[in-house]
Amino acid sequence: ALNAPRSIVPSMIACGLNQVKSGSTIVAFSSAEKAIEMIKKNGKQIDLCFTEVVMHGSSGFRIVEELRRRNRRAKTVLIAQDKDYALEALRVGVNDYLIEPLTIESIHHVQISCR
């Protein structure tokens, strides 16, 4: 298992995804607001979205809900430190729920199952 600092998680996710499908474009955001801004502009182009549940000033649920409004076909994965948000994740219709620490294998599995 890789117990990476939060700033490294997007890079690890990118590595996991690129092992499965080269040519994927991975975009990381420093805040939920920036992610939501991009979703509002380009939400229909998103195939797969990884987001943490707990974020400064917002939540991953807000990102998932915003993406669902614009692109019902996009796959969504929430990342959390425990199972506390799993029921709410089901309620909003996420495709998967990962518990930290993440592993390349868990990300690889999600990418395959979300095809």
PDB file of N, CA and C in Angstrom:
ATOM      1  N   ALA A   1       0.847  -1.186   0.000  1.00  0.00           N
ATOM      2  CA  ALA A   1       0.000   0.000   0.000  1.00  0.00           C
ATOM      3  C   ALA A   1       0.884   1.238   0.000  1.00  0.00           C
ATOM      4  N   LEU A   2       0.412   2.239  -0.681  1.00  0.00           N
ATOM      5  CA  LEU A   2       1.132   3.498  -0.750  1.00  0.00           C
ATOM      6  C   LEU A   2       0.405   4.503   0.114  1.00  0.00           C
ATOM      7  N   ASN A   3       1.032   4.982   1.149  1.00  0.00           N
ATOM      8  CA  ASN A   3       0.433   5.985   2.007  1.00  0.00           C
ATOM      9  C   ASN A   3       1.068   7.315   1.639  1.00  0.00           C
ATOM     10  N   ALA A   4       0.537   7.940   0.606  1.00  0.00           N
ATOM     11  CA  ALA A   4       1.145   9.134   0.029  1.00  0.00           C
ATOM     12  C   ALA A   4       0.527  10.400   0.599  1.00  0.00           C
ATOM     13  N   PRO A   5       1.307  11.469   0.711  1.00  0.00           N
ATOM     14  CA  PRO A   5       0.721  12.750   1.081  1.00  0.00           C
ATOM     15  C   PRO A   5      -0.318  13.152   0.029  1.00  0.00           C
ATOM     16  N   ARG A   6      -1.304  13.925   0.443  1.00  0.00           N
ATOM     17  CA  ARG A   6      -2.393  14.299  -0.461  1.00  0.00           C
ATOM     18  C   ARG A   6      -1.888  14.941  -1.759  1.00  0.00           C
ATOM     19  N   SER A   7      -0.803  15.683  -1.693  1.00  0.00           N
ATOM     20  CA  SER A   7      -0.308  16.345  -2.901  1.00  0.00           C
ATOM     21  C   SER A   7       0.220  15.349  -3.932  1.00  0.00           C
ATOM     22  N   ILE A   8       0.509  14.129  -3.518  1.00  0.00           N
ATOM     23  CA  ILE A   8       1.045  13.130  -4.434  1.00  0.00           C
ATOM     24  C   ILE A   8      -0.059  12.250  -5.011  1.00  0.00           C
ATOM     25  N   VAL A   9      -1.216  12.216  -4.372  1.00  0.00           N
ATOM     26  CA  VAL A   9      -2.283  11.320  -4.809  1.00  0.00           C
ATOM     27  C   VAL A   9      -2.653  11.505  -6.281  1.00  0.00           C
ATOM     28  N   PRO A  10      -2.836  12.734  -6.820  1.00  0.00           N
ATOM     29  CA  PRO A  10      -3.170  12.829  -8.250  1.00  0.00           C
ATOM     30  C   PRO A  10      -2.122  12.198  -9.158  1.00  0.00           C
ATOM     31  N   SER A  11      -0.843  12.322  -8.815  1.00  0.00           N
ATOM     32  CA  SER A  11       0.207  11.710  -9.623  1.00  0.00           C
ATOM     33  C   SER A  11       0.101  10.195  -9.581  1.00  0.00           C
ATOM     34  N   MET A  12      -0.191   9.665  -8.406  1.00  0.00           N
ATOM     35  CA  MET A  12      -0.318   8.221  -8.275  1.00  0.00           C
ATOM     36  C   MET A  12      -1.528   7.737  -9.074  1.00  0.00           C
ATOM     37  N   ILE A  13      -2.623   8.471  -9.020  1.00  0.00           N
ATOM     38  CA  ILE A  13      -3.809   8.102  -9.791  1.00  0.00           C
ATOM     39  C   ILE A  13      -3.482   8.138 -11.278  1.00  0.00           C
ATOM     40  N   ALA A  14      -2.775   9.166 -11.703  1.00  0.00           N
ATOM     41  CA  ALA A  14      -2.399   9.260 -13.111  1.00  0.00           C
ATOM     42  C   ALA A  14      -1.569   8.061 -13.519  1.00  0.00           C
ATOM     43  N   CYS A  15      -0.638   7.648 -12.669  1.00  0.00           N
ATOM     44  CA  CYS A  15       0.195   6.476 -12.981  1.00  0.00           C
ATOM     45  C   CYS A  15      -0.669   5.230 -13.083  1.00  0.00           C
ATOM     46  N   GLY A  16      -1.596   5.072 -12.160  1.00  0.00           N
ATOM     47  CA  GLY A  16      -2.480   3.911 -12.182  1.00  0.00           C
ATOM     48  C   GLY A  16      -3.322   3.858 -13.438  1.00  0.00           C
ATOM     49  N   LEU A  17      -3.837   4.988 -13.841  1.00  0.00           N
ATOM     50  CA  LEU A  17      -4.676   5.021 -15.038  1.00  0.00           C
ATOM     51  C   LEU A  17      -3.856   4.794 -16.297  1.00  0.00           C
ATOM     52  N   ASN A  18      -2.672   5.370 -16.336  1.00  0.00           N
ATOM     53  CA  ASN A  18      -1.855   5.229 -17.534  1.00  0.00           C
ATOM     54  C   ASN A  18      -1.336   3.809 -17.713  1.00  0.00           C
ATOM     55  N   GLN A  19      -1.275   3.034 -16.648  1.00  0.00           N
ATOM     56  CA  GLN A  19      -0.895   1.629 -16.793  1.00  0.00           C
ATOM     57  C   GLN A  19      -1.946   0.887 -17.608  1.00  0.00           C
ATOM     58  N   VAL A  20      -3.182   1.325 -17.511  1.00  0.00           N
ATOM     59  CA  VAL A  20      -4.280   0.639 -18.175  1.00  0.00           C
ATOM     60  C   VAL A  20      -4.551   1.224 -19.550  1.00  0.00           C
ATOM     61  N   LYS A  21      -4.558   2.523 -19.654  1.00  0.00           N
ATOM     62  CA  LYS A  21      -4.957   3.167 -20.903  1.00  0.00           C
ATOM     63  C   LYS A  21      -4.020   4.337 -21.176  1.00  0.00           C
ATOM     64  N   SER A  22      -3.064   4.131 -22.056  1.00  0.00           N
ATOM     65  CA  SER A  22      -2.170   5.230 -22.376  1.00  0.00           C
ATOM     66  C   SER A  22      -2.926   6.263 -23.197  1.00  0.00           C
ATOM     67  N   GLY A  23      -2.493   7.481 -23.108  1.00  0.00           N
ATOM     68  CA  GLY A  23      -3.155   8.552 -23.825  1.00  0.00           C
ATOM     69  C   GLY A  23      -4.258   9.222 -23.034  1.00  0.00           C
ATOM     70  N   SER A  24      -4.514   8.734 -21.819  1.00  0.00           N
ATOM     71  CA  SER A  24      -5.517   9.368 -20.972  1.00  0.00           C
ATOM     72  C   SER A  24      -5.028  10.747 -20.557  1.00  0.00           C
ATOM     73  N   THR A  25      -5.940  11.689 -20.510  1.00  0.00           N
ATOM     74  CA  THR A  25      -5.600  13.013 -20.014  1.00  0.00           C
ATOM     75  C   THR A  25      -6.046  13.093 -18.570  1.00  0.00           C
ATOM     76  N   ILE A  26      -5.125  13.371 -17.682  1.00  0.00           N
ATOM     77  CA  ILE A  26      -5.409  13.476 -16.259  1.00  0.00           C
ATOM     78  C   ILE A  26      -5.249  14.940 -15.875  1.00  0.00           C
ATOM     79  N   VAL A  27      -6.265  15.489 -15.240  1.00  0.00           N
ATOM     80  CA  VAL A  27      -6.223  16.876 -14.819  1.00  0.00           C
ATOM     81  C   VAL A  27      -6.434  16.912 -13.313  1.00  0.00           C
ATOM     82  N   ALA A  28      -5.530  17.557 -12.591  1.00  0.00           N
ATOM     83  CA  ALA A  28      -5.644  17.698 -11.142  1.00  0.00           C
ATOM     84  C   ALA A  28      -5.935  19.160 -10.814  1.00  0.00           C
ATOM     85  N   PHE A  29      -6.709  19.377  -9.766  1.00  0.00           N
ATOM     86  CA  PHE A  29      -7.079  20.732  -9.368  1.00  0.00           C
ATOM     87  C   PHE A  29      -6.678  20.976  -7.928  1.00  0.00           C
ATOM     88  N   SER A  30      -6.324  22.210  -7.630  1.00  0.00           N
ATOM     89  CA  SER A  30      -5.895  22.565  -6.284  1.00  0.00           C
ATOM     90  C   SER A  30      -7.072  22.857  -5.362  1.00  0.00           C
ATOM     91  N   SER A  31      -8.273  22.997  -5.930  1.00  0.00           N
ATOM     92  CA  SER A  31      -9.446  23.275  -5.100  1.00  0.00           C
ATOM     93  C   SER A  31     -10.700  22.732  -5.776  1.00  0.00           C
ATOM     94  N   ALA A  32     -11.721  22.513  -4.965  1.00  0.00           N
ATOM     95  CA  ALA A  32     -13.007  22.056  -5.498  1.00  0.00           C
ATOM     96  C   ALA A  32     -13.597  23.105  -6.428  1.00  0.00           C
ATOM     97  N   GLU A  33     -13.420  24.364  -6.092  1.00  0.00           N
ATOM     98  CA  GLU A  33     -13.978  25.436  -6.918  1.00  0.00           C
ATOM     99  C   GLU A  33     -13.402  25.413  -8.333  1.00  0.00           C
ATOM    100  N   LYS A  34     -12.095  25.176  -8.449  1.00  0.00           N
ATOM    101  CA  LYS A  34     -11.476  25.107  -9.771  1.00  0.00           C
ATOM    102  C   LYS A  34     -11.970  23.888 -10.539  1.00  0.00           C
ATOM    103  N   ALA A  35     -12.159  22.774  -9.843  1.00  0.00           N
ATOM    104  CA  ALA A  35     -12.685  21.579 -10.500  1.00  0.00           C
ATOM    105  C   ALA A  35     -14.104  21.823 -10.991  1.00  0.00           C
ATOM    106  N   ILE A  36     -14.923  22.441 -10.176  1.00  0.00           N
ATOM    107  CA  ILE A  36     -16.314  22.716 -10.561  1.00  0.00           C
ATOM    108  C   ILE A  36     -16.368  23.694 -11.728  1.00  0.00           C
ATOM    109  N   GLU A  37     -15.483  24.664 -11.738  1.00  0.00           N
ATOM    110  CA  GLU A  37     -15.411  25.609 -12.861  1.00  0.00           C
ATOM    111  C   GLU A  37     -15.131  24.861 -14.170  1.00  0.00           C
ATOM    112  N   MET A  38     -14.183  23.907 -14.128  1.00  0.00           N
ATOM    113  CA  MET A  38     -13.868  23.127 -15.320  1.00  0.00           C
ATOM    114  C   MET A  38     -15.040  22.225 -15.702  1.00  0.00           C
ATOM    115  N   ILE A  39     -15.702  21.647 -14.720  1.00  0.00           N
ATOM    116  CA  ILE A  39     -16.851  20.785 -14.995  1.00  0.00           C
ATOM    117  C   ILE A  39     -17.959  21.581 -15.673  1.00  0.00           C
ATOM    118  N   LYS A  40     -18.184  22.794 -15.238  1.00  0.00           N
ATOM    119  CA  LYS A  40     -19.219  23.635 -15.850  1.00  0.00           C
ATOM    120  C   LYS A  40     -18.905  23.929 -17.314  1.00  0.00           C
ATOM    121  N   LYS A  41     -17.620  24.054 -17.639  1.00  0.00           N
ATOM    122  CA  LYS A  41     -17.219  24.358 -19.011  1.00  0.00           C
ATOM    123  C   LYS A  41     -17.089  23.106 -19.877  1.00  0.00           C
ATOM    124  N   ASN A  42     -16.563  22.016 -19.305  1.00  0.00           N
ATOM    125  CA  ASN A  42     -16.204  20.836 -20.100  1.00  0.00           C
ATOM    126  C   ASN A  42     -16.738  19.527 -19.537  1.00  0.00           C
ATOM    127  N   GLY A  43     -17.780  19.566 -18.751  1.00  0.00           N
ATOM    128  CA  GLY A  43     -18.278  18.374 -18.074  1.00  0.00           C
ATOM    129  C   GLY A  43     -18.631  17.219 -18.991  1.00  0.00           C
ATOM    130  N   LYS A  44     -19.081  17.511 -20.186  1.00  0.00           N
ATOM    131  CA  LYS A  44     -19.477  16.442 -21.109  1.00  0.00           C
ATOM    132  C   LYS A  44     -18.284  15.659 -21.641  1.00  0.00           C
ATOM    133  N   GLN A  45     -17.078  16.186 -21.487  1.00  0.00           N
ATOM    134  CA  GLN A  45     -15.878  15.517 -21.977  1.00  0.00           C
ATOM    135  C   GLN A  45     -15.235  14.614 -20.931  1.00  0.00           C
ATOM    136  N   ILE A  46     -15.754  14.616 -19.705  1.00  0.00           N
ATOM    137  CA  ILE A  46     -15.149  13.842 -18.625  1.00  0.00           C
ATOM    138  C   ILE A  46     -15.675  12.411 -18.659  1.00  0.00           C
ATOM    139  N   ASP A  47     -14.738  11.454 -18.640  1.00  0.00           N
ATOM    140  CA  ASP A  47     -15.105  10.038 -18.606  1.00  0.00           C
ATOM    141  C   ASP A  47     -15.052   9.476 -17.193  1.00  0.00           C
ATOM    142  N   LEU A  48     -14.055   9.912 -16.424  1.00  0.00           N
ATOM    143  CA  LEU A  48     -13.820   9.346 -15.101  1.00  0.00           C
ATOM    144  C   LEU A  48     -13.300  10.436 -14.174  1.00  0.00           C
ATOM    145  N   CYS A  49     -13.912  10.556 -13.006  1.00  0.00           N
ATOM    146  CA  CYS A  49     -13.531  11.590 -12.043  1.00  0.00           C
ATOM    147  C   CYS A  49     -13.226  10.963 -10.685  1.00  0.00           C
ATOM    148  N   PHE A  50     -12.006  11.156 -10.201  1.00  0.00           N
ATOM    149  CA  PHE A  50     -11.615  10.779  -8.848  1.00  0.00           C
ATOM    150  C   PHE A  50     -11.657  12.040  -8.001  1.00  0.00           C
ATOM    151  N   THR A  51     -12.280  11.995  -6.837  1.00  0.00           N
ATOM    152  CA  THR A  51     -12.276  13.142  -5.945  1.00  0.00           C
ATOM    153  C   THR A  51     -12.297  12.677  -4.498  1.00  0.00           C
ATOM    154  N   GLU A  52     -11.625  13.422  -3.656  1.00  0.00           N
ATOM    155  CA  GLU A  52     -11.663  13.119  -2.234  1.00  0.00           C
ATOM    156  C   GLU A  52     -12.985  13.601  -1.662  1.00  0.00           C
ATOM    157  N   VAL A  53     -13.474  12.919  -0.644  1.00  0.00           N
ATOM    158  CA  VAL A  53     -14.717  13.312   0.008  1.00  0.00           C
ATOM    159  C   VAL A  53     -14.515  14.620   0.751  1.00  0.00           C
ATOM    160  N   VAL A  54     -13.509  14.668   1.602  1.00  0.00           N
ATOM    161  CA  VAL A  54     -13.270  15.839   2.440  1.00  0.00           C
ATOM    162  C   VAL A  54     -12.279  16.755   1.740  1.00  0.00           C
ATOM    163  N   MET A  55     -12.726  17.987   1.491  1.00  0.00           N
ATOM    164  CA  MET A  55     -11.892  18.966   0.821  1.00  0.00           C
ATOM    165  C   MET A  55     -12.023  20.297   1.550  1.00  0.00           C
ATOM    166  N   HIS A  56     -10.994  21.110   1.468  1.00  0.00           N
ATOM    167  CA  HIS A  56     -11.046  22.424   2.091  1.00  0.00           C
ATOM    168  C   HIS A  56     -12.109  23.288   1.415  1.00  0.00           C
ATOM    169  N   GLY A  57     -13.083  23.738   2.161  1.00  0.00           N
ATOM    170  CA  GLY A  57     -14.093  24.643   1.644  1.00  0.00           C
ATOM    171  C   GLY A  57     -15.208  23.994   0.843  1.00  0.00           C
ATOM    172  N   SER A  58     -15.187  22.690   0.675  1.00  0.00           N
ATOM    173  CA  SER A  58     -16.216  22.019  -0.116  1.00  0.00           C
ATOM    174  C   SER A  58     -16.162  20.531   0.169  1.00  0.00           C
ATOM    175  N   SER A  59     -16.758  19.753  -0.734  1.00  0.00           N
ATOM    176  CA  SER A  59     -16.688  18.298  -0.585  1.00  0.00           C
ATOM    177  C   SER A  59     -16.692  17.639  -1.952  1.00  0.00           C
ATOM    178  N   GLY A  60     -16.227  16.408  -1.983  1.00  0.00           N
ATOM    179  CA  GLY A  60     -16.265  15.635  -3.215  1.00  0.00           C
ATOM    180  C   GLY A  60     -17.694  15.394  -3.677  1.00  0.00           C
ATOM    181  N   PHE A  61     -18.639  15.368  -2.743  1.00  0.00           N
ATOM    182  CA  PHE A  61     -20.042  15.178  -3.113  1.00  0.00           C
ATOM    183  C   PHE A  61     -20.537  16.324  -3.994  1.00  0.00           C
ATOM    184  N   ARG A  62     -20.097  17.516  -3.685  1.00  0.00           N
ATOM    185  CA  ARG A  62     -20.483  18.675  -4.516  1.00  0.00           C
ATOM    186  C   ARG A  62     -19.948  18.516  -5.936  1.00  0.00           C
ATOM    187  N   ILE A  63     -18.720  18.044  -6.073  1.00  0.00           N
ATOM    188  CA  ILE A  63     -18.135  17.822  -7.394  1.00  0.00           C
ATOM    189  C   ILE A  63     -18.915  16.751  -8.144  1.00  0.00           C
ATOM    190  N   VAL A  64     -19.222  15.638  -7.468  1.00  0.00           N
ATOM    191  CA  VAL A  64     -19.988  14.559  -8.103  1.00  0.00           C
ATOM    192  C   VAL A  64     -21.356  15.064  -8.553  1.00  0.00           C
ATOM    193  N   GLU A  65     -22.048  15.791  -7.702  1.00  0.00           N
ATOM    194  CA  GLU A  65     -23.374  16.296  -8.057  1.00  0.00           C
ATOM    195  C   GLU A  65     -23.308  17.256  -9.242  1.00  0.00           C
ATOM    196  N   GLU A  66     -22.309  18.116  -9.268  1.00  0.00           N
ATOM    197  CA  GLU A  66     -22.149  19.058 -10.383  1.00  0.00           C
ATOM    198  C   GLU A  66     -21.858  18.303 -11.674  1.00  0.00           C
ATOM    199  N   LEU A  67     -21.016  17.298 -11.609  1.00  0.00           N
ATOM    200  CA  LEU A  67     -20.699  16.509 -12.794  1.00  0.00           C
ATOM    201  C   LEU A  67     -21.930  15.738 -13.272  1.00  0.00           C
ATOM    202  N   ARG A  68     -22.695  15.183 -12.350  1.00  0.00           N
ATOM    203  CA  ARG A  68     -23.910  14.431 -12.718  1.00  0.00           C
ATOM    204  C   ARG A  68     -24.920  15.322 -13.455  1.00  0.00           C
ATOM    205  N   ARG A  69     -25.003  16.598 -13.082  1.00  0.00           N
ATOM    206  CA  ARG A  69     -25.919  17.527 -13.765  1.00  0.00           C
ATOM    207  C   ARG A  69     -25.553  17.700 -15.236  1.00  0.00           C
ATOM    208  N   ARG A  70     -24.264  17.619 -15.542  1.00  0.00           N
ATOM    209  CA  ARG A  70     -23.788  17.887 -16.898  1.00  0.00           C
ATOM    210  C   ARG A  70     -23.468  16.643 -17.711  1.00  0.00           C
ATOM    211  N   ASN A  71     -23.183  15.550 -17.030  1.00  0.00           N
ATOM    212  CA  ASN A  71     -22.760  14.351 -17.745  1.00  0.00           C
ATOM    213  C   ASN A  71     -23.136  13.115 -16.927  1.00  0.00           C
ATOM    214  N   ARG A  72     -24.297  12.567 -17.177  1.00  0.00           N
ATOM    215  CA  ARG A  72     -24.786  11.400 -16.432  1.00  0.00           C
ATOM    216  C   ARG A  72     -23.953  10.152 -16.723  1.00  0.00           C
ATOM    217  N   ARG A  73     -23.220  10.139 -17.837  1.00  0.00           N
ATOM    218  CA  ARG A  73     -22.430   8.961 -18.214  1.00  0.00           C
ATOM    219  C   ARG A  73     -21.045   8.927 -17.570  1.00  0.00           C
ATOM    220  N   ALA A  74     -20.586  10.051 -17.035  1.00  0.00           N
ATOM    221  CA  ALA A  74     -19.256  10.091 -16.409  1.00  0.00           C
ATOM    222  C   ALA A  74     -19.228   9.170 -15.196  1.00  0.00           C
ATOM    223  N   LYS A  75     -18.138   8.451 -15.044  1.00  0.00           N
ATOM    224  CA  LYS A  75     -17.942   7.576 -13.890  1.00  0.00           C
ATOM    225  C   LYS A  75     -17.286   8.393 -12.775  1.00  0.00           C
ATOM    226  N   THR A  76     -17.713   8.153 -11.540  1.00  0.00           N
ATOM    227  CA  THR A  76     -17.180   8.912 -10.418  1.00  0.00           C
ATOM    228  C   THR A  76     -16.692   7.980  -9.319  1.00  0.00           C
ATOM    229  N   VAL A  77     -15.580   8.373  -8.702  1.00  0.00           N
ATOM    230  CA  VAL A  77     -14.966   7.602  -7.626  1.00  0.00           C
ATOM    231  C   VAL A  77     -14.646   8.555  -6.480  1.00  0.00           C
ATOM    232  N   LEU A  78     -15.154   8.248  -5.302  1.00  0.00           N
ATOM    233  CA  LEU A  78     -14.843   9.041  -4.116  1.00  0.00           C
ATOM    234  C   LEU A  78     -13.724   8.364  -3.331  1.00  0.00           C
ATOM    235  N   ILE A  79     -12.846   9.183  -2.772  1.00  0.00           N
ATOM    236  CA  ILE A  79     -11.719   8.707  -1.975  1.00  0.00           C
ATOM    237  C   ILE A  79     -11.890   9.259  -0.559  1.00  0.00           C
ATOM    238  N   ALA A  80     -11.801   8.377   0.431  1.00  0.00           N
ATOM    239  CA  ALA A  80     -11.974   8.799   1.823  1.00  0.00           C
ATOM    240  C   ALA A  80     -10.985   8.063   2.714  1.00  0.00           C
ATOM    241  N   GLN A  81     -10.888   8.525   3.956  1.00  0.00           N
ATOM    242  CA  GLN A  81      -9.987   7.886   4.913  1.00  0.00           C
ATOM    243  C   GLN A  81     -10.649   6.724   5.635  1.00  0.00           C
ATOM    244  N   ASP A  82     -11.982   6.616   5.535  1.00  0.00           N
ATOM    245  CA  ASP A  82     -12.703   5.531   6.200  1.00  0.00           C
ATOM    246  C   ASP A  82     -14.046   5.316   5.507  1.00  0.00           C
ATOM    247  N   LYS A  83     -14.887   4.474   6.097  1.00  0.00           N
ATOM    248  CA  LYS A  83     -16.173   4.115   5.493  1.00  0.00           C
ATOM    249  C   LYS A  83     -17.306   5.058   5.881  1.00  0.00           C
ATOM    250  N   ASP A  84     -17.021   6.116   6.604  1.00  0.00           N
ATOM    251  CA  ASP A  84     -18.062   6.985   7.155  1.00  0.00           C
ATOM    252  C   ASP A  84     -19.004   7.590   6.110  1.00  0.00           C
ATOM    253  N   TYR A  85     -18.524   7.810   4.906  1.00  0.00           N
ATOM    254  CA  TYR A  85     -19.327   8.469   3.874  1.00  0.00           C
ATOM    255  C   TYR A  85     -19.876   7.503   2.831  1.00  0.00           C
ATOM    256  N   ALA A  86     -19.712   6.213   3.038  1.00  0.00           N
ATOM    257  CA  ALA A  86     -20.082   5.219   2.023  1.00  0.00           C
ATOM    258  C   ALA A  86     -21.570   5.256   1.686  1.00  0.00           C
ATOM    259  N   LEU A  87     -22.452   5.383   2.670  1.00  0.00           N
ATOM    260  CA  LEU A  87     -23.894   5.417   2.382  1.00  0.00           C
ATOM    261  C   LEU A  87     -24.281   6.652   1.576  1.00  0.00           C
ATOM    262  N   GLU A  88     -23.710   7.792   1.927  1.00  0.00           N
ATOM    263  CA  GLU A  88     -23.989   9.002   1.151  1.00  0.00           C
ATOM    264  C   GLU A  88     -23.442   8.858  -0.266  1.00  0.00           C
ATOM    265  N   ALA A  89     -22.301   8.199  -0.410  1.00  0.00           N
ATOM    266  CA  ALA A  89     -21.720   7.967  -1.739  1.00  0.00           C
ATOM    267  C   ALA A  89     -22.680   7.143  -2.593  1.00  0.00           C
ATOM    268  N   LEU A  90     -23.284   6.124  -2.006  1.00  0.00           N
ATOM    269  CA  LEU A  90     -24.284   5.335  -2.747  1.00  0.00           C
ATOM    270  C   LEU A  90     -25.480   6.198  -3.133  1.00  0.00           C
ATOM    271  N   ARG A  91     -25.897   7.061  -2.220  1.00  0.00           N
ATOM    272  CA  ARG A  91     -27.056   7.921  -2.473  1.00  0.00           C
ATOM    273  C   ARG A  91     -26.836   8.829  -3.690  1.00  0.00           C
ATOM    274  N   VAL A  92     -25.629   9.373  -3.824  1.00  0.00           N
ATOM    275  CA  VAL A  92     -25.368  10.272  -4.954  1.00  0.00           C
ATOM    276  C   VAL A  92     -24.976   9.511  -6.215  1.00  0.00           C
ATOM    277  N   GLY A  93     -24.823   8.182  -6.102  1.00  0.00           N
ATOM    278  CA  GLY A  93     -24.602   7.360  -7.285  1.00  0.00           C
ATOM    279  C   GLY A  93     -23.174   7.257  -7.776  1.00  0.00           C
ATOM    280  N   VAL A  94     -22.198   7.270  -6.869  1.00  0.00           N
ATOM    281  CA  VAL A  94     -20.817   7.101  -7.325  1.00  0.00           C
ATOM    282  C   VAL A  94     -20.611   5.672  -7.810  1.00  0.00           C
ATOM    283  N   ASN A  95     -19.650   5.497  -8.674  1.00  0.00           N
ATOM    284  CA  ASN A  95     -19.346   4.174  -9.221  1.00  0.00           C
ATOM    285  C   ASN A  95     -18.453   3.349  -8.317  1.00  0.00           C
ATOM    286  N   ASP A  96     -17.624   4.039  -7.508  1.00  0.00           N
ATOM    287  CA  ASP A  96     -16.768   3.308  -6.583  1.00  0.00           C
ATOM    288  C   ASP A  96     -16.378   4.223  -5.440  1.00  0.00           C
ATOM    289  N   TYR A  97     -15.900   3.605  -4.376  1.00  0.00           N
ATOM    290  CA  TYR A  97     -15.517   4.308  -3.150  1.00  0.00           C
ATOM    291  C   TYR A  97     -14.219   3.683  -2.673  1.00  0.00           C
ATOM    292  N   LEU A  98     -13.141   4.451  -2.672  1.00  0.00           N
ATOM    293  CA  LEU A  98     -11.835   3.942  -2.258  1.00  0.00           C
ATOM    294  C   LEU A  98     -11.470   4.488  -0.884  1.00  0.00           C
ATOM    295  N   ILE A  99     -10.858   3.630  -0.091  1.00  0.00           N
ATOM    296  CA  ILE A  99     -10.415   4.036   1.237  1.00  0.00           C
ATOM    297  C   ILE A  99      -8.896   4.132   1.233  1.00  0.00           C
ATOM    298  N   GLU A 100      -8.390   5.253   1.729  1.00  0.00           N
ATOM    299  CA  GLU A 100      -6.945   5.460   1.824  1.00  0.00           C
ATOM    300  C   GLU A 100      -6.358   4.529   2.870  1.00  0.00           C
ATOM    301  N   PRO A 101      -5.129   4.099   2.729  1.00  0.00           N
ATOM    302  CA  PRO A 101      -4.189   4.479   1.676  1.00  0.00           C
ATOM    303  C   PRO A 101      -4.517   3.773   0.359  1.00  0.00           C
ATOM    304  N   LEU A 102      -4.364   4.497  -0.724  1.00  0.00           N
ATOM    305  CA  LEU A 102      -4.629   3.961  -2.056  1.00  0.00           C
ATOM    306  C   LEU A 102      -3.457   3.112  -2.524  1.00  0.00           C
ATOM    307  N   THR A 103      -3.773   2.191  -3.401  1.00  0.00           N
ATOM    308  CA  THR A 103      -2.725   1.398  -4.043  1.00  0.00           C
ATOM    309  C   THR A 103      -2.901   1.525  -5.551  1.00  0.00           C
ATOM    310  N   ILE A 104      -1.843   1.298  -6.267  1.00  0.00           N
ATOM    311  CA  ILE A 104      -1.927   1.293  -7.731  1.00  0.00           C
ATOM    312  C   ILE A 104      -2.935   0.232  -8.166  1.00  0.00           C
ATOM    313  N   GLU A 105      -2.941  -0.900  -7.489  1.00  0.00           N
ATOM    314  CA  GLU A 105      -3.862  -1.981  -7.853  1.00  0.00           C
ATOM    315  C   GLU A 105      -5.324  -1.566  -7.684  1.00  0.00           C
ATOM    316  N   SER A 106      -5.648  -0.856  -6.601  1.00  0.00           N
ATOM    317  CA  SER A 106      -7.043  -0.442  -6.391  1.00  0.00           C
ATOM    318  C   SER A 106      -7.485   0.557  -7.455  1.00  0.00           C
ATOM    319  N   ILE A 107      -6.594   1.434  -7.845  1.00  0.00           N
ATOM    320  CA  ILE A 107      -6.917   2.410  -8.888  1.00  0.00           C
ATOM    321  C   ILE A 107      -7.050   1.711 -10.234  1.00  0.00           C
ATOM    322  N   HIS A 108      -6.173   0.770 -10.490  1.00  0.00           N
ATOM    323  CA  HIS A 108      -6.226  -0.015 -11.718  1.00  0.00           C
ATOM    324  C   HIS A 108      -7.559  -0.757 -11.806  1.00  0.00           C
ATOM    325  N   HIS A 109      -7.984  -1.362 -10.715  1.00  0.00           N
ATOM    326  CA  HIS A 109      -9.260  -2.084 -10.685  1.00  0.00           C
ATOM    327  C   HIS A 109     -10.436  -1.153 -10.974  1.00  0.00           C
ATOM    328  N   VAL A 110     -10.422   0.022 -10.378  1.00  0.00           N
ATOM    329  CA  VAL A 110     -11.498   0.995 -10.600  1.00  0.00           C
ATOM    330  C   VAL A 110     -11.558   1.401 -12.062  1.00  0.00           C
ATOM    331  N   GLN A 111     -10.417   1.668 -12.661  1.00  0.00           N
ATOM    332  CA  GLN A 111     -10.405   2.107 -14.044  1.00  0.00           C
ATOM    333  C   GLN A 111     -10.977   1.022 -14.959  1.00  0.00           C
ATOM    334  N   ILE A 112     -10.660  -0.222 -14.690  1.00  0.00           N
ATOM    335  CA  ILE A 112     -11.194  -1.321 -15.491  1.00  0.00           C
ATOM    336  C   ILE A 112     -12.696  -1.475 -15.254  1.00  0.00           C
ATOM    337  N   SER A 113     -13.119  -1.425 -14.004  1.00  0.00           N
ATOM    338  CA  SER A 113     -14.539  -1.639 -13.700  1.00  0.00           C
ATOM    339  C   SER A 113     -15.418  -0.480 -14.162  1.00  0.00           C
ATOM    340  N   CYS A 114     -14.836   0.684 -14.379  1.00  0.00           N
ATOM    341  CA  CYS A 114     -15.614   1.856 -14.802  1.00  0.00           C
ATOM    342  C   CYS A 114     -15.660   2.030 -16.315  1.00  0.00           C
ATOM    343  N   ARG A 115     -15.151   1.072 -17.056  1.00  0.00           N
ATOM    344  CA  ARG A 115     -15.177   1.192 -18.525  1.00  0.00           C
ATOM    345  C   ARG A 115     -16.584   1.153 -19.044  1.00  0.00           C
TER     346      ARG A 115
END
